[in-house]
Amino acid sequence: MEDLEKHCGEKIDIGNLYRSLRRMEKIGWVNSNWEKGNIGPNKRKYEITIKGKSMLKEAFISLKRTHSLINHFFNGYKKVFGKE
């Protein structure tokens, strides 16, 4: 959870995270299996599927294009109106 918070830049709602993972599993983007832990209860392990990797790649390409368009807009704005 600490790593997840560090990578996302904000605190993660664990309930929303698991609901999202269950929805992604229903869609076919991830699979999960129960693994027996050495100490404590069994744990559910999630793994991204080929379909999930494909969706992630498409999202990356779309967001990269959006990022480029936003930067283009900011640069144009600065040319017309000066610095922020």
PDB file of N, CA and C in Angstrom:
ATOM      1  N   MET A   1       0.825  -1.196   0.000  1.00  0.00           N
ATOM      2  CA  MET A   1       0.000   0.000   0.000  1.00  0.00           C
ATOM      3  C   MET A   1       0.870   1.262   0.000  1.00  0.00           C
ATOM      4  N   GLU A   2       2.009   1.202   0.714  1.00  0.00           N
ATOM      5  CA  GLU A   2       2.907   2.362   0.742  1.00  0.00           C
ATOM      6  C   GLU A   2       3.429   2.661  -0.662  1.00  0.00           C
ATOM      7  N   ASP A   3       3.831   1.633  -1.397  1.00  0.00           N
ATOM      8  CA  ASP A   3       4.335   1.831  -2.756  1.00  0.00           C
ATOM      9  C   ASP A   3       3.241   2.385  -3.654  1.00  0.00           C
ATOM     10  N   LEU A   4       2.046   1.879  -3.503  1.00  0.00           N
ATOM     11  CA  LEU A   4       0.927   2.348  -4.320  1.00  0.00           C
ATOM     12  C   LEU A   4       0.670   3.831  -4.064  1.00  0.00           C
ATOM     13  N   GLU A   5       0.679   4.229  -2.801  1.00  0.00           N
ATOM     14  CA  GLU A   5       0.476   5.639  -2.469  1.00  0.00           C
ATOM     15  C   GLU A   5       1.606   6.492  -3.038  1.00  0.00           C
ATOM     16  N   LYS A   6       2.836   5.981  -2.967  1.00  0.00           N
ATOM     17  CA  LYS A   6       3.989   6.716  -3.480  1.00  0.00           C
ATOM     18  C   LYS A   6       3.874   6.907  -4.999  1.00  0.00           C
ATOM     19  N   HIS A   7       3.446   5.871  -5.724  1.00  0.00           N
ATOM     20  CA  HIS A   7       3.354   5.946  -7.185  1.00  0.00           C
ATOM     21  C   HIS A   7       2.156   6.781  -7.651  1.00  0.00           C
ATOM     22  N   CYS A   8       1.068   6.755  -6.887  1.00  0.00           N
ATOM     23  CA  CYS A   8      -0.135   7.493  -7.284  1.00  0.00           C
ATOM     24  C   CYS A   8      -0.095   8.942  -6.833  1.00  0.00           C
ATOM     25  N   GLY A   9       0.706   9.247  -5.839  1.00  0.00           N
ATOM     26  CA  GLY A   9       0.811  10.619  -5.368  1.00  0.00           C
ATOM     27  C   GLY A   9      -0.261  11.019  -4.374  1.00  0.00           C
ATOM     28  N   GLU A  10      -1.101  10.085  -3.974  1.00  0.00           N
ATOM     29  CA  GLU A  10      -2.119  10.393  -2.967  1.00  0.00           C
ATOM     30  C   GLU A  10      -2.561   9.106  -2.287  1.00  0.00           C
ATOM     31  N   LYS A  11      -3.241   9.267  -1.169  1.00  0.00           N
ATOM     32  CA  LYS A  11      -3.707   8.105  -0.412  1.00  0.00           C
ATOM     33  C   LYS A  11      -4.773   7.354  -1.212  1.00  0.00           C
ATOM     34  N   ILE A  12      -4.699   6.052  -1.188  1.00  0.00           N
ATOM     35  CA  ILE A  12      -5.611   5.202  -1.950  1.00  0.00           C
ATOM     36  C   ILE A  12      -6.711   4.661  -1.041  1.00  0.00           C
ATOM     37  N   ASP A  13      -7.951   4.730  -1.508  1.00  0.00           N
ATOM     38  CA  ASP A  13      -9.072   4.127  -0.793  1.00  0.00           C
ATOM     39  C   ASP A  13      -9.071   2.641  -1.132  1.00  0.00           C
ATOM     40  N   ILE A  14      -8.718   1.822  -0.163  1.00  0.00           N
ATOM     41  CA  ILE A  14      -8.549   0.374  -0.396  1.00  0.00           C
ATOM     42  C   ILE A  14      -9.848  -0.277  -0.875  1.00  0.00           C
ATOM     43  N   GLY A  15     -10.987   0.183  -0.379  1.00  0.00           N
ATOM     44  CA  GLY A  15     -12.273  -0.368  -0.814  1.00  0.00           C
ATOM     45  C   GLY A  15     -12.510  -0.116  -2.295  1.00  0.00           C
ATOM     46  N   ASN A  16     -12.243   1.120  -2.737  1.00  0.00           N
ATOM     47  CA  ASN A  16     -12.399   1.450  -4.155  1.00  0.00           C
ATOM     48  C   ASN A  16     -11.412   0.670  -5.007  1.00  0.00           C
ATOM     49  N   LEU A  17     -10.205   0.485  -4.491  1.00  0.00           N
ATOM     50  CA  LEU A  17      -9.194  -0.277  -5.229  1.00  0.00           C
ATOM     51  C   LEU A  17      -9.683  -1.695  -5.494  1.00  0.00           C
ATOM     52  N   TYR A  18     -10.178  -2.380  -4.465  1.00  0.00           N
ATOM     53  CA  TYR A  18     -10.618  -3.757  -4.651  1.00  0.00           C
ATOM     54  C   TYR A  18     -11.886  -3.844  -5.501  1.00  0.00           C
ATOM     55  N   ARG A  19     -12.783  -2.875  -5.391  1.00  0.00           N
ATOM     56  CA  ARG A  19     -13.962  -2.861  -6.272  1.00  0.00           C
ATOM     57  C   ARG A  19     -13.528  -2.688  -7.725  1.00  0.00           C
ATOM     58  N   SER A  20     -12.555  -1.818  -7.950  1.00  0.00           N
ATOM     59  CA  SER A  20     -12.038  -1.613  -9.314  1.00  0.00           C
ATOM     60  C   SER A  20     -11.379  -2.876  -9.836  1.00  0.00           C
ATOM     61  N   LEU A  21     -10.605  -3.548  -9.015  1.00  0.00           N
ATOM     62  CA  LEU A  21      -9.956  -4.791  -9.435  1.00  0.00           C
ATOM     63  C   LEU A  21     -10.986  -5.860  -9.784  1.00  0.00           C
ATOM     64  N   ARG A  22     -12.064  -5.945  -9.014  1.00  0.00           N
ATOM     65  CA  ARG A  22     -13.110  -6.939  -9.312  1.00  0.00           C
ATOM     66  C   ARG A  22     -13.787  -6.605 -10.647  1.00  0.00           C
ATOM     67  N   ARG A  23     -14.045  -5.310 -10.907  1.00  0.00           N
ATOM     68  CA  ARG A  23     -14.640  -4.914 -12.202  1.00  0.00           C
ATOM     69  C   ARG A  23     -13.682  -5.240 -13.345  1.00  0.00           C
ATOM     70  N   MET A  24     -12.395  -4.950 -13.158  1.00  0.00           N
ATOM     71  CA  MET A  24     -11.404  -5.254 -14.198  1.00  0.00           C
ATOM     72  C   MET A  24     -11.317  -6.753 -14.440  1.00  0.00           C
ATOM     73  N   GLU A  25     -11.506  -7.542 -13.390  1.00  0.00           N
ATOM     74  CA  GLU A  25     -11.485  -8.996 -13.566  1.00  0.00           C
ATOM     75  C   GLU A  25     -12.704  -9.457 -14.367  1.00  0.00           C
ATOM     76  N   LYS A  26     -13.867  -8.886 -14.101  1.00  0.00           N
ATOM     77  CA  LYS A  26     -15.074  -9.242 -14.856  1.00  0.00           C
ATOM     78  C   LYS A  26     -14.927  -8.900 -16.332  1.00  0.00           C
ATOM     79  N   ILE A  27     -14.256  -7.781 -16.631  1.00  0.00           N
ATOM     80  CA  ILE A  27     -14.033  -7.358 -18.013  1.00  0.00           C
ATOM     81  C   ILE A  27     -12.985  -8.238 -18.694  1.00  0.00           C
ATOM     82  N   GLY A  28     -12.077  -8.798 -17.895  1.00  0.00           N
ATOM     83  CA  GLY A  28     -11.019  -9.641 -18.459  1.00  0.00           C
ATOM     84  C   GLY A  28      -9.660  -8.961 -18.524  1.00  0.00           C
ATOM     85  N   TRP A  29      -9.523  -7.829 -17.829  1.00  0.00           N
ATOM     86  CA  TRP A  29      -8.247  -7.113 -17.851  1.00  0.00           C
ATOM     87  C   TRP A  29      -7.245  -7.674 -16.849  1.00  0.00           C
ATOM     88  N   VAL A  30      -7.749  -8.318 -15.791  1.00  0.00           N
ATOM     89  CA  VAL A  30      -6.880  -8.966 -14.801  1.00  0.00           C
ATOM     90  C   VAL A  30      -7.470 -10.319 -14.426  1.00  0.00           C
ATOM     91  N   ASN A  31      -6.622 -11.177 -13.916  1.00  0.00           N
ATOM     92  CA  ASN A  31      -7.031 -12.452 -13.320  1.00  0.00           C
ATOM     93  C   ASN A  31      -6.583 -12.426 -11.874  1.00  0.00           C
ATOM     94  N   SER A  32      -7.257 -13.203 -11.048  1.00  0.00           N
ATOM     95  CA  SER A  32      -6.818 -13.303  -9.658  1.00  0.00           C
ATOM     96  C   SER A  32      -6.864 -14.755  -9.210  1.00  0.00           C
ATOM     97  N   ASN A  33      -5.993 -15.059  -8.271  1.00  0.00           N
ATOM     98  CA  ASN A  33      -5.932 -16.381  -7.658  1.00  0.00           C
ATOM     99  C   ASN A  33      -5.632 -16.207  -6.179  1.00  0.00           C
ATOM    100  N   TRP A  34      -6.141 -17.128  -5.387  1.00  0.00           N
ATOM    101  CA  TRP A  34      -5.833 -17.114  -3.962  1.00  0.00           C
ATOM    102  C   TRP A  34      -4.519 -17.851  -3.742  1.00  0.00           C
ATOM    103  N   GLU A  35      -3.651 -17.235  -2.951  1.00  0.00           N
ATOM    104  CA  GLU A  35      -2.377 -17.858  -2.605  1.00  0.00           C
ATOM    105  C   GLU A  35      -2.308 -18.027  -1.104  1.00  0.00           C
ATOM    106  N   LYS A  36      -1.841 -19.186  -0.711  1.00  0.00           N
ATOM    107  CA  LYS A  36      -1.695 -19.451   0.716  1.00  0.00           C
ATOM    108  C   LYS A  36      -0.485 -18.692   1.229  1.00  0.00           C
ATOM    109  N   GLY A  37      -0.697 -17.904   2.281  1.00  0.00           N
ATOM    110  CA  GLY A  37       0.395 -17.160   2.876  1.00  0.00           C
ATOM    111  C   GLY A  37       1.135 -17.989   3.908  1.00  0.00           C
ATOM    112  N   ASN A  38       2.412 -17.704   4.084  1.00  0.00           N
ATOM    113  CA  ASN A  38       3.186 -18.400   5.115  1.00  0.00           C
ATOM    114  C   ASN A  38       2.682 -18.025   6.505  1.00  0.00           C
ATOM    115  N   ILE A  39       2.339 -16.755   6.642  1.00  0.00           N
ATOM    116  CA  ILE A  39       1.826 -16.262   7.913  1.00  0.00           C
ATOM    117  C   ILE A  39       0.539 -15.502   7.620  1.00  0.00           C
ATOM    118  N   GLY A  40      -0.469 -15.739   8.414  1.00  0.00           N
ATOM    119  CA  GLY A  40      -1.717 -15.007   8.240  1.00  0.00           C
ATOM    120  C   GLY A  40      -2.631 -15.655   7.217  1.00  0.00           C
ATOM    121  N   PRO A  41      -3.679 -14.922   6.838  1.00  0.00           N
ATOM    122  CA  PRO A  41      -4.686 -15.478   5.914  1.00  0.00           C
ATOM    123  C   PRO A  41      -4.162 -15.573   4.481  1.00  0.00           C
ATOM    124  N   ASN A  42      -4.906 -16.343   3.681  1.00  0.00           N
ATOM    125  CA  ASN A  42      -4.587 -16.415   2.254  1.00  0.00           C
ATOM    126  C   ASN A  42      -4.747 -15.033   1.630  1.00  0.00           C
ATOM    127  N   LYS A  43      -4.035 -14.823   0.525  1.00  0.00           N
ATOM    128  CA  LYS A  43      -4.072 -13.519  -0.137  1.00  0.00           C
ATOM    129  C   LYS A  43      -4.460 -13.700  -1.590  1.00  0.00           C
ATOM    130  N   ARG A  44      -5.212 -12.740  -2.086  1.00  0.00           N
ATOM    131  CA  ARG A  44      -5.594 -12.761  -3.497  1.00  0.00           C
ATOM    132  C   ARG A  44      -4.507 -12.038  -4.282  1.00  0.00           C
ATOM    133  N   LYS A  45      -3.990 -12.707  -5.307  1.00  0.00           N
ATOM    134  CA  LYS A  45      -2.951 -12.128  -6.157  1.00  0.00           C
ATOM    135  C   LYS A  45      -3.564 -11.815  -7.512  1.00  0.00           C
ATOM    136  N   TYR A  46      -3.359 -10.576  -7.964  1.00  0.00           N
ATOM    137  CA  TYR A  46      -3.891 -10.131  -9.257  1.00  0.00           C
ATOM    138  C   TYR A  46      -2.768 -10.079 -10.279  1.00  0.00           C
ATOM    139  N   GLU A  47      -3.128 -10.427 -11.515  1.00  0.00           N
ATOM    140  CA  GLU A  47      -2.159 -10.395 -12.616  1.00  0.00           C
ATOM    141  C   GLU A  47      -2.855  -9.837 -13.851  1.00  0.00           C
ATOM    142  N   ILE A  48      -2.160  -8.937 -14.549  1.00  0.00           N
ATOM    143  CA  ILE A  48      -2.734  -8.341 -15.754  1.00  0.00           C
ATOM    144  C   ILE A  48      -2.770  -9.386 -16.872  1.00  0.00           C
ATOM    145  N   THR A  49      -3.846  -9.354 -17.665  1.00  0.00           N
ATOM    146  CA  THR A  49      -4.009 -10.291 -18.778  1.00  0.00           C
ATOM    147  C   THR A  49      -3.499  -9.640 -20.071  1.00  0.00           C
ATOM    148  N   ILE A  50      -3.469 -10.430 -21.134  1.00  0.00           N
ATOM    149  CA  ILE A  50      -3.100  -9.891 -22.449  1.00  0.00           C
ATOM    150  C   ILE A  50      -4.096  -8.804 -22.853  1.00  0.00           C
ATOM    151  N   LYS A  51      -5.379  -9.057 -22.611  1.00  0.00           N
ATOM    152  CA  LYS A  51      -6.419  -8.063 -22.909  1.00  0.00           C
ATOM    153  C   LYS A  51      -6.184  -6.792 -22.083  1.00  0.00           C
ATOM    154  N   GLY A  52      -5.792  -6.952 -20.830  1.00  0.00           N
ATOM    155  CA  GLY A  52      -5.505  -5.812 -19.971  1.00  0.00           C
ATOM    156  C   GLY A  52      -4.303  -5.024 -20.452  1.00  0.00           C
ATOM    157  N   LYS A  53      -3.271  -5.731 -20.897  1.00  0.00           N
ATOM    158  CA  LYS A  53      -2.080  -5.055 -21.429  1.00  0.00           C
ATOM    159  C   LYS A  53      -2.420  -4.272 -22.689  1.00  0.00           C
ATOM    160  N   SER A  54      -3.272  -4.842 -23.526  1.00  0.00           N
ATOM    161  CA  SER A  54      -3.687  -4.168 -24.751  1.00  0.00           C
ATOM    162  C   SER A  54      -4.461  -2.893 -24.421  1.00  0.00           C
ATOM    163  N   MET A  55      -5.401  -2.980 -23.469  1.00  0.00           N
ATOM    164  CA  MET A  55      -6.175  -1.815 -23.058  1.00  0.00           C
ATOM    165  C   MET A  55      -5.244  -0.757 -22.472  1.00  0.00           C
ATOM    166  N   LEU A  56      -4.279  -1.174 -21.659  1.00  0.00           N
ATOM    167  CA  LEU A  56      -3.343  -0.251 -21.036  1.00  0.00           C
ATOM    168  C   LEU A  56      -2.504   0.474 -22.086  1.00  0.00           C
ATOM    169  N   LYS A  57      -2.089  -0.266 -23.123  1.00  0.00           N
ATOM    170  CA  LYS A  57      -1.317   0.342 -24.203  1.00  0.00           C
ATOM    171  C   LYS A  57      -2.156   1.377 -24.937  1.00  0.00           C
ATOM    172  N   GLU A  58      -3.418   1.050 -25.222  1.00  0.00           N
ATOM    173  CA  GLU A  58      -4.315   1.992 -25.896  1.00  0.00           C
ATOM    174  C   GLU A  58      -4.527   3.240 -25.040  1.00  0.00           C
ATOM    175  N   ALA A  59      -4.699   3.056 -23.736  1.00  0.00           N
ATOM    176  CA  ALA A  59      -4.875   4.195 -22.829  1.00  0.00           C
ATOM    177  C   ALA A  59      -3.625   5.057 -22.811  1.00  0.00           C
ATOM    178  N   PHE A  60      -2.464   4.431 -22.796  1.00  0.00           N
ATOM    179  CA  PHE A  60      -1.199   5.170 -22.806  1.00  0.00           C
ATOM    180  C   PHE A  60      -1.083   6.025 -24.061  1.00  0.00           C
ATOM    181  N   ILE A  61      -1.373   5.430 -25.212  1.00  0.00           N
ATOM    182  CA  ILE A  61      -1.278   6.159 -26.486  1.00  0.00           C
ATOM    183  C   ILE A  61      -2.259   7.331 -26.492  1.00  0.00           C
ATOM    184  N   SER A  62      -3.483   7.097 -26.025  1.00  0.00           N
ATOM    185  CA  SER A  62      -4.487   8.154 -25.990  1.00  0.00           C
ATOM    186  C   SER A  62      -4.072   9.277 -25.040  1.00  0.00           C
ATOM    187  N   LEU A  63      -3.590   8.918 -23.859  1.00  0.00           N
ATOM    188  CA  LEU A  63      -3.169   9.936 -22.894  1.00  0.00           C
ATOM    189  C   LEU A  63      -1.937  10.698 -23.376  1.00  0.00           C
ATOM    190  N   LYS A  64      -1.045  10.006 -24.068  1.00  0.00           N
ATOM    191  CA  LYS A  64       0.148  10.669 -24.615  1.00  0.00           C
ATOM    192  C   LYS A  64      -0.283  11.713 -25.650  1.00  0.00           C
ATOM    193  N   ARG A  65      -1.252  11.367 -26.500  1.00  0.00           N
ATOM    194  CA  ARG A  65      -1.757  12.311 -27.501  1.00  0.00           C
ATOM    195  C   ARG A  65      -2.445  13.488 -26.823  1.00  0.00           C
ATOM    196  N   THR A  66      -3.253  13.202 -25.803  1.00  0.00           N
ATOM    197  CA  THR A  66      -3.923  14.258 -25.051  1.00  0.00           C
ATOM    198  C   THR A  66      -2.901  15.178 -24.393  1.00  0.00           C
ATOM    199  N   HIS A  67      -1.868  14.606 -23.818  1.00  0.00           N
ATOM    200  CA  HIS A  67      -0.790  15.382 -23.195  1.00  0.00           C
ATOM    201  C   HIS A  67      -0.145  16.311 -24.222  1.00  0.00           C
ATOM    202  N   SER A  68       0.101  15.794 -25.416  1.00  0.00           N
ATOM    203  CA  SER A  68       0.695  16.595 -26.478  1.00  0.00           C
ATOM    204  C   SER A  68      -0.224  17.755 -26.874  1.00  0.00           C
ATOM    205  N   LEU A  69      -1.521  17.487 -26.995  1.00  0.00           N
ATOM    206  CA  LEU A  69      -2.481  18.535 -27.345  1.00  0.00           C
ATOM    207  C   LEU A  69      -2.563  19.603 -26.259  1.00  0.00           C
ATOM    208  N   ILE A  70      -2.544  19.188 -25.012  1.00  0.00           N
ATOM    209  CA  ILE A  70      -2.588  20.146 -23.900  1.00  0.00           C
ATOM    210  C   ILE A  70      -1.339  21.022 -23.909  1.00  0.00           C
ATOM    211  N   ASN A  71      -0.177  20.416 -24.119  1.00  0.00           N
ATOM    212  CA  ASN A  71       1.060  21.200 -24.188  1.00  0.00           C
ATOM    213  C   ASN A  71       1.016  22.189 -25.357  1.00  0.00           C
ATOM    214  N   HIS A  72       0.482  21.755 -26.479  1.00  0.00           N
ATOM    215  CA  HIS A  72       0.346  22.633 -27.636  1.00  0.00           C
ATOM    216  C   HIS A  72      -0.549  23.831 -27.284  1.00  0.00           C
ATOM    217  N   PHE A  73      -1.650  23.554 -26.589  1.00  0.00           N
ATOM    218  CA  PHE A  73      -2.546  24.619 -26.155  1.00  0.00           C
ATOM    219  C   PHE A  73      -1.833  25.588 -25.212  1.00  0.00           C
ATOM    220  N   PHE A  74      -1.117  25.055 -24.209  1.00  0.00           N
ATOM    221  CA  PHE A  74      -0.400  25.914 -23.258  1.00  0.00           C
ATOM    222  C   PHE A  74       0.628  26.799 -23.961  1.00  0.00           C
ATOM    223  N   ASN A  75       1.365  26.218 -24.890  1.00  0.00           N
ATOM    224  CA  ASN A  75       2.363  26.996 -25.623  1.00  0.00           C
ATOM    225  C   ASN A  75       1.712  28.097 -26.451  1.00  0.00           C
ATOM    226  N   GLY A  76       0.597  27.790 -27.092  1.00  0.00           N
ATOM    227  CA  GLY A  76      -0.133  28.797 -27.856  1.00  0.00           C
ATOM    228  C   GLY A  76      -0.678  29.890 -26.959  1.00  0.00           C
ATOM    229  N   TYR A  77      -1.202  29.506 -25.816  1.00  0.00           N
ATOM    230  CA  TYR A  77      -1.723  30.477 -24.854  1.00  0.00           C
ATOM    231  C   TYR A  77      -0.625  31.429 -24.401  1.00  0.00           C
ATOM    232  N   LYS A  78       0.534  30.868 -24.081  1.00  0.00           N
ATOM    233  CA  LYS A  78       1.654  31.698 -23.626  1.00  0.00           C
ATOM    234  C   LYS A  78       2.099  32.671 -24.716  1.00  0.00           C
ATOM    235  N   LYS A  79       2.082  32.235 -25.972  1.00  0.00           N
ATOM    236  CA  LYS A  79       2.463  33.119 -27.087  1.00  0.00           C
ATOM    237  C   LYS A  79       1.488  34.291 -27.213  1.00  0.00           C
ATOM    238  N   VAL A  80       0.215  34.026 -27.013  1.00  0.00           N
ATOM    239  CA  VAL A  80      -0.798  35.055 -27.183  1.00  0.00           C
ATOM    240  C   VAL A  80      -0.903  35.970 -25.944  1.00  0.00           C
ATOM    241  N   PHE A  81      -0.906  35.352 -24.764  1.00  0.00           N
ATOM    242  CA  PHE A  81      -1.172  36.106 -23.541  1.00  0.00           C
ATOM    243  C   PHE A  81       0.044  36.285 -22.638  1.00  0.00           C
ATOM    244  N   GLY A  82       1.183  35.786 -23.049  1.00  0.00           N
ATOM    245  CA  GLY A  82       2.371  35.895 -22.202  1.00  0.00           C
ATOM    246  C   GLY A  82       2.376  34.805 -21.132  1.00  0.00           C
ATOM    247  N   LYS A  83       3.284  34.956 -20.212  1.00  0.00           N
ATOM    248  CA  LYS A  83       3.398  33.944 -19.140  1.00  0.00           C
ATOM    249  C   LYS A  83       2.117  33.902 -18.332  1.00  0.00           C
ATOM    250  N   GLU A  84       1.898  32.799 -17.718  1.00  0.00           N
ATOM    251  CA  GLU A  84       0.713  32.529 -16.893  1.00  0.00           C
ATOM    252  C   GLU A  84       0.311  33.767 -16.199  1.00  0.00           C
TER     253      GLU A  84
END
